[in-house]
Amino acid sequence: MADTENKNEPDTVKLISAEGHEFIVDRKAALVSGTIKSMLSGPGTFTFTEQQLGEINFREISTHILEKVIQYFYYKLKYTNSTTEIPDFVKIALELLMAANFLDA
């Protein structure tokens, strides 16, 4: 992950739900998602807002589901390669699984 870190990049990113709710998320947690990582760091078809301002609008993901996905990002960041007992992450409906799959998390 060190190759994606840059001193010019902010420590947080803004993820915006379909309803316009804005979540300020630690960049390290957001980069758990391969999709978000690509949108923020890679060259390609992504917009100025995504790459330069660290702001991503998810028009297909509701506020409730995006909130749960973000909780999962923090959960995965905390417990990946952990030697402590890993608590169960609350199972959410098919919609959460679809959103996580879309985000490649």
N, C-alpha and C. Protein backbone atom coordinates (compact mmCIF):
# COMPACT_ATOMS: atom_id res chain seq x y z
N MET A 1 0.83 -1.20 0.00
CA MET A 1 0.00 0.00 0.00
C MET A 1 0.86 1.25 0.00
N ALA A 2 2.12 1.14 0.33
CA ALA A 2 3.00 2.30 0.38
C ALA A 2 3.10 2.99 -0.98
N ASP A 3 2.94 2.23 -2.07
CA ASP A 3 3.04 2.84 -3.39
C ASP A 3 1.87 3.75 -3.71
N THR A 4 0.76 3.65 -2.99
CA THR A 4 -0.38 4.51 -3.26
C THR A 4 -0.39 5.74 -2.35
N GLU A 5 0.48 5.77 -1.36
CA GLU A 5 0.50 6.89 -0.45
C GLU A 5 1.34 8.01 -1.06
N ASN A 6 0.84 9.23 -0.90
CA ASN A 6 1.51 10.38 -1.47
C ASN A 6 1.30 11.53 -0.50
N LYS A 7 2.36 12.30 -0.26
CA LYS A 7 2.25 13.39 0.70
C LYS A 7 1.25 14.46 0.25
N ASN A 8 0.97 14.53 -1.06
CA ASN A 8 0.02 15.50 -1.57
C ASN A 8 -1.43 15.05 -1.42
N GLU A 9 -1.64 13.78 -1.10
CA GLU A 9 -2.99 13.26 -0.96
C GLU A 9 -3.52 13.55 0.44
N PRO A 10 -4.80 13.90 0.55
CA PRO A 10 -5.39 14.13 1.87
C PRO A 10 -5.48 12.83 2.66
N ASP A 11 -5.58 12.95 3.97
CA ASP A 11 -5.70 11.78 4.85
C ASP A 11 -7.10 11.19 4.83
N THR A 12 -8.06 11.93 4.28
CA THR A 12 -9.44 11.46 4.23
C THR A 12 -9.98 11.57 2.81
N VAL A 13 -11.07 10.85 2.56
CA VAL A 13 -11.80 10.96 1.31
C VAL A 13 -13.27 11.17 1.64
N LYS A 14 -13.99 11.74 0.70
CA LYS A 14 -15.42 11.97 0.89
C LYS A 14 -16.17 11.03 -0.03
N LEU A 15 -17.03 10.17 0.56
CA LEU A 15 -17.86 9.26 -0.19
C LEU A 15 -19.29 9.77 -0.09
N ILE A 16 -19.96 9.91 -1.23
CA ILE A 16 -21.29 10.52 -1.26
C ILE A 16 -22.30 9.49 -1.74
N SER A 17 -23.36 9.32 -0.96
CA SER A 17 -24.39 8.33 -1.27
C SER A 17 -25.35 8.85 -2.34
N ALA A 18 -26.24 7.96 -2.78
CA ALA A 18 -27.24 8.31 -3.79
C ALA A 18 -28.12 9.47 -3.34
N GLU A 19 -28.37 9.56 -2.04
CA GLU A 19 -29.22 10.63 -1.51
C GLU A 19 -28.44 11.90 -1.22
N GLY A 20 -27.13 11.88 -1.44
CA GLY A 20 -26.31 13.07 -1.22
C GLY A 20 -25.65 13.16 0.14
N HIS A 21 -25.80 12.12 0.98
CA HIS A 21 -25.15 12.14 2.30
C HIS A 21 -23.65 11.98 2.10
N GLU A 22 -22.88 12.81 2.79
CA GLU A 22 -21.43 12.80 2.64
C GLU A 22 -20.78 12.12 3.85
N PHE A 23 -19.93 11.15 3.58
CA PHE A 23 -19.17 10.47 4.62
C PHE A 23 -17.70 10.83 4.45
N ILE A 24 -17.08 11.30 5.51
CA ILE A 24 -15.64 11.57 5.51
C ILE A 24 -14.98 10.33 6.10
N VAL A 25 -14.12 9.69 5.31
CA VAL A 25 -13.56 8.39 5.66
C VAL A 25 -12.04 8.48 5.60
N ASP A 26 -11.37 7.82 6.56
CA ASP A 26 -9.91 7.75 6.50
C ASP A 26 -9.50 7.13 5.17
N ARG A 27 -8.52 7.71 4.53
CA ARG A 27 -8.07 7.22 3.22
C ARG A 27 -7.65 5.75 3.29
N LYS A 28 -6.95 5.35 4.35
CA LYS A 28 -6.51 3.96 4.48
C LYS A 28 -7.70 3.01 4.52
N ALA A 29 -8.78 3.40 5.18
CA ALA A 29 -9.97 2.55 5.23
C ALA A 29 -10.63 2.49 3.86
N ALA A 30 -10.74 3.62 3.18
CA ALA A 30 -11.37 3.64 1.86
C ALA A 30 -10.59 2.81 0.85
N LEU A 31 -9.27 2.76 0.99
CA LEU A 31 -8.44 2.01 0.05
C LEU A 31 -8.54 0.50 0.22
N VAL A 32 -9.31 0.05 1.21
CA VAL A 32 -9.64 -1.37 1.33
C VAL A 32 -10.37 -1.81 0.06
N SER A 33 -11.13 -0.88 -0.52
CA SER A 33 -11.86 -1.15 -1.75
C SER A 33 -10.95 -0.99 -2.96
N GLY A 34 -10.83 -2.05 -3.74
CA GLY A 34 -10.04 -1.97 -4.96
C GLY A 34 -10.60 -0.95 -5.94
N THR A 35 -11.93 -0.84 -5.99
CA THR A 35 -12.56 0.14 -6.88
C THR A 35 -12.22 1.56 -6.47
N ILE A 36 -12.35 1.85 -5.18
CA ILE A 36 -12.04 3.20 -4.69
C ILE A 36 -10.56 3.49 -4.88
N LYS A 37 -9.72 2.50 -4.61
CA LYS A 37 -8.28 2.68 -4.80
C LYS A 37 -7.97 3.08 -6.25
N SER A 38 -8.60 2.41 -7.20
CA SER A 38 -8.40 2.74 -8.62
C SER A 38 -8.92 4.13 -8.94
N MET A 39 -10.06 4.47 -8.38
CA MET A 39 -10.66 5.77 -8.67
C MET A 39 -9.81 6.92 -8.13
N LEU A 40 -9.14 6.69 -7.00
CA LEU A 40 -8.37 7.76 -6.37
C LEU A 40 -6.92 7.84 -6.84
N SER A 41 -6.38 6.74 -7.33
CA SER A 41 -4.94 6.76 -7.58
C SER A 41 -4.52 6.46 -9.01
N GLY A 42 -5.35 5.78 -9.76
CA GLY A 42 -4.91 5.35 -11.08
C GLY A 42 -5.30 6.29 -12.19
N PRO A 43 -4.52 6.25 -13.26
CA PRO A 43 -4.91 7.01 -14.45
C PRO A 43 -6.10 6.32 -15.12
N GLY A 44 -6.83 7.05 -15.88
CA GLY A 44 -7.96 6.43 -16.56
C GLY A 44 -9.11 7.38 -16.76
N THR A 45 -10.30 6.86 -16.67
CA THR A 45 -11.49 7.62 -17.01
C THR A 45 -12.12 8.34 -15.83
N PHE A 46 -11.46 8.36 -14.69
CA PHE A 46 -12.05 8.96 -13.51
C PHE A 46 -11.92 10.48 -13.55
N THR A 47 -12.81 11.16 -12.87
CA THR A 47 -12.91 12.61 -12.96
C THR A 47 -11.90 13.34 -12.08
N PHE A 48 -11.77 14.61 -12.33
CA PHE A 48 -10.92 15.48 -11.53
C PHE A 48 -11.33 15.43 -10.07
N THR A 49 -12.63 15.46 -9.81
CA THR A 49 -13.14 15.46 -8.43
C THR A 49 -12.67 14.22 -7.69
N GLU A 50 -12.74 13.07 -8.33
CA GLU A 50 -12.34 11.83 -7.68
C GLU A 50 -10.85 11.81 -7.37
N GLN A 51 -10.04 12.13 -8.35
CA GLN A 51 -8.59 12.01 -8.17
C GLN A 51 -7.97 13.17 -7.41
N GLN A 52 -8.37 14.38 -7.70
CA GLN A 52 -7.72 15.54 -7.09
C GLN A 52 -8.33 15.94 -5.75
N LEU A 53 -9.62 15.85 -5.64
CA LEU A 53 -10.29 16.28 -4.41
C LEU A 53 -10.60 15.13 -3.46
N GLY A 54 -10.44 13.90 -3.92
CA GLY A 54 -10.73 12.75 -3.07
C GLY A 54 -12.20 12.65 -2.73
N GLU A 55 -13.04 12.88 -3.71
CA GLU A 55 -14.49 12.88 -3.51
C GLU A 55 -15.13 11.96 -4.55
N ILE A 56 -15.92 10.99 -4.07
CA ILE A 56 -16.54 10.03 -4.98
C ILE A 56 -18.03 9.99 -4.73
N ASN A 57 -18.80 10.14 -5.80
CA ASN A 57 -20.26 10.11 -5.73
C ASN A 57 -20.75 8.74 -6.19
N PHE A 58 -21.42 8.02 -5.29
CA PHE A 58 -21.98 6.71 -5.61
C PHE A 58 -23.49 6.87 -5.82
N ARG A 59 -23.89 7.08 -7.04
CA ARG A 59 -25.30 7.32 -7.36
C ARG A 59 -26.17 6.09 -7.23
N GLU A 60 -25.54 4.90 -7.15
CA GLU A 60 -26.29 3.65 -7.08
C GLU A 60 -26.36 3.07 -5.66
N ILE A 61 -25.68 3.69 -4.69
CA ILE A 61 -25.61 3.11 -3.34
C ILE A 61 -26.29 4.04 -2.35
N SER A 62 -27.32 3.52 -1.67
CA SER A 62 -28.09 4.32 -0.71
C SER A 62 -27.24 4.67 0.52
N THR A 63 -27.68 5.68 1.25
CA THR A 63 -26.97 6.13 2.45
C THR A 63 -26.80 4.99 3.44
N HIS A 64 -27.86 4.26 3.71
CA HIS A 64 -27.82 3.18 4.70
C HIS A 64 -26.79 2.11 4.30
N ILE A 65 -26.79 1.73 3.05
CA ILE A 65 -25.87 0.69 2.59
C ILE A 65 -24.44 1.21 2.54
N LEU A 66 -24.23 2.43 2.07
CA LEU A 66 -22.88 2.99 2.03
C LEU A 66 -22.31 3.10 3.44
N GLU A 67 -23.13 3.45 4.39
CA GLU A 67 -22.68 3.52 5.78
C GLU A 67 -22.18 2.14 6.26
N LYS A 68 -22.92 1.08 5.94
CA LYS A 68 -22.52 -0.27 6.33
C LYS A 68 -21.26 -0.71 5.60
N VAL A 69 -21.13 -0.34 4.33
CA VAL A 69 -19.93 -0.67 3.57
C VAL A 69 -18.72 0.01 4.21
N ILE A 70 -18.86 1.25 4.61
CA ILE A 70 -17.77 1.99 5.26
C ILE A 70 -17.41 1.33 6.59
N GLN A 71 -18.42 0.90 7.34
CA GLN A 71 -18.14 0.18 8.59
C GLN A 71 -17.32 -1.08 8.29
N TYR A 72 -17.66 -1.76 7.20
CA TYR A 72 -16.91 -2.95 6.81
C TYR A 72 -15.47 -2.59 6.45
N PHE A 73 -15.25 -1.48 5.76
CA PHE A 73 -13.89 -1.06 5.43
C PHE A 73 -13.04 -0.95 6.71
N TYR A 74 -13.59 -0.28 7.74
CA TYR A 74 -12.85 -0.13 8.99
C TYR A 74 -12.64 -1.48 9.67
N TYR A 75 -13.66 -2.33 9.63
CA TYR A 75 -13.57 -3.67 10.21
C TYR A 75 -12.46 -4.46 9.52
N LYS A 76 -12.47 -4.46 8.19
CA LYS A 76 -11.46 -5.22 7.43
C LYS A 76 -10.07 -4.66 7.69
N LEU A 77 -9.94 -3.33 7.72
CA LEU A 77 -8.64 -2.70 7.98
C LEU A 77 -8.10 -3.10 9.35
N LYS A 78 -8.98 -3.13 10.33
CA LYS A 78 -8.57 -3.45 11.70
C LYS A 78 -8.19 -4.92 11.87
N TYR A 79 -8.95 -5.83 11.25
CA TYR A 79 -8.77 -7.25 11.54
C TYR A 79 -7.99 -8.03 10.48
N THR A 80 -7.63 -7.43 9.37
CA THR A 80 -6.81 -8.13 8.39
C THR A 80 -5.43 -8.38 9.01
N ASN A 81 -4.99 -9.62 8.95
CA ASN A 81 -3.70 -10.04 9.53
C ASN A 81 -3.65 -9.88 11.05
N SER A 82 -4.80 -9.84 11.70
CA SER A 82 -4.85 -9.70 13.15
C SER A 82 -4.64 -11.05 13.82
N THR A 83 -3.96 -11.03 14.95
CA THR A 83 -3.76 -12.27 15.71
C THR A 83 -4.79 -12.40 16.83
N THR A 84 -5.62 -11.38 17.01
CA THR A 84 -6.67 -11.45 18.04
C THR A 84 -7.91 -12.12 17.47
N GLU A 85 -8.80 -12.51 18.36
CA GLU A 85 -10.05 -13.12 17.92
C GLU A 85 -10.87 -12.11 17.13
N ILE A 86 -11.35 -12.52 15.98
CA ILE A 86 -12.07 -11.62 15.09
C ILE A 86 -13.57 -11.75 15.36
N PRO A 87 -14.21 -10.65 15.77
CA PRO A 87 -15.66 -10.70 15.99
C PRO A 87 -16.42 -10.82 14.68
N ASP A 88 -17.62 -11.39 14.76
CA ASP A 88 -18.46 -11.50 13.56
C ASP A 88 -18.91 -10.13 13.10
N PHE A 89 -18.82 -9.90 11.81
CA PHE A 89 -19.37 -8.68 11.24
C PHE A 89 -20.84 -8.94 10.94
N VAL A 90 -21.69 -8.04 11.34
CA VAL A 90 -23.13 -8.22 11.17
C VAL A 90 -23.46 -8.50 9.71
N LYS A 91 -24.22 -9.56 9.48
CA LYS A 91 -24.62 -9.91 8.12
C LYS A 91 -25.73 -8.94 7.67
N ILE A 92 -25.56 -8.37 6.49
CA ILE A 92 -26.52 -7.43 5.93
C ILE A 92 -27.15 -8.07 4.70
N ALA A 93 -28.22 -7.50 4.25
CA ALA A 93 -28.99 -8.03 3.12
C ALA A 93 -28.18 -8.09 1.83
N LEU A 94 -28.76 -8.69 0.84
CA LEU A 94 -28.14 -8.85 -0.47
C LEU A 94 -27.63 -7.52 -1.02
N GLU A 95 -28.30 -6.44 -0.71
CA GLU A 95 -27.90 -5.13 -1.21
C GLU A 95 -26.49 -4.75 -0.75
N LEU A 96 -26.14 -5.06 0.50
CA LEU A 96 -24.81 -4.77 1.01
C LEU A 96 -23.76 -5.61 0.27
N LEU A 97 -24.07 -6.88 0.06
CA LEU A 97 -23.14 -7.76 -0.66
C LEU A 97 -22.92 -7.25 -2.08
N MET A 98 -23.98 -6.79 -2.71
CA MET A 98 -23.86 -6.27 -4.07
C MET A 98 -23.00 -5.00 -4.08
N ALA A 99 -23.20 -4.13 -3.10
CA ALA A 99 -22.41 -2.89 -3.03
C ALA A 99 -20.95 -3.21 -2.78
N ALA A 100 -20.66 -4.14 -1.86
CA ALA A 100 -19.28 -4.52 -1.58
C ALA A 100 -18.63 -5.17 -2.80
N ASN A 101 -19.39 -5.98 -3.51
CA ASN A 101 -18.87 -6.61 -4.72
C ASN A 101 -18.54 -5.55 -5.78
N PHE A 102 -19.42 -4.57 -5.93
CA PHE A 102 -19.20 -3.48 -6.87
C PHE A 102 -17.91 -2.72 -6.52
N LEU A 103 -17.68 -2.54 -5.21
CA LEU A 103 -16.52 -1.79 -4.74
C LEU A 103 -15.27 -2.65 -4.65
N ASP A 104 -15.39 -3.94 -5.00
CA ASP A 104 -14.24 -4.85 -4.99
C ASP A 104 -13.56 -4.88 -3.63
N ALA A 105 -14.38 -4.98 -2.57
CA ALA A 105 -13.83 -5.03 -1.22
C ALA A 105 -13.79 -6.43 -0.68
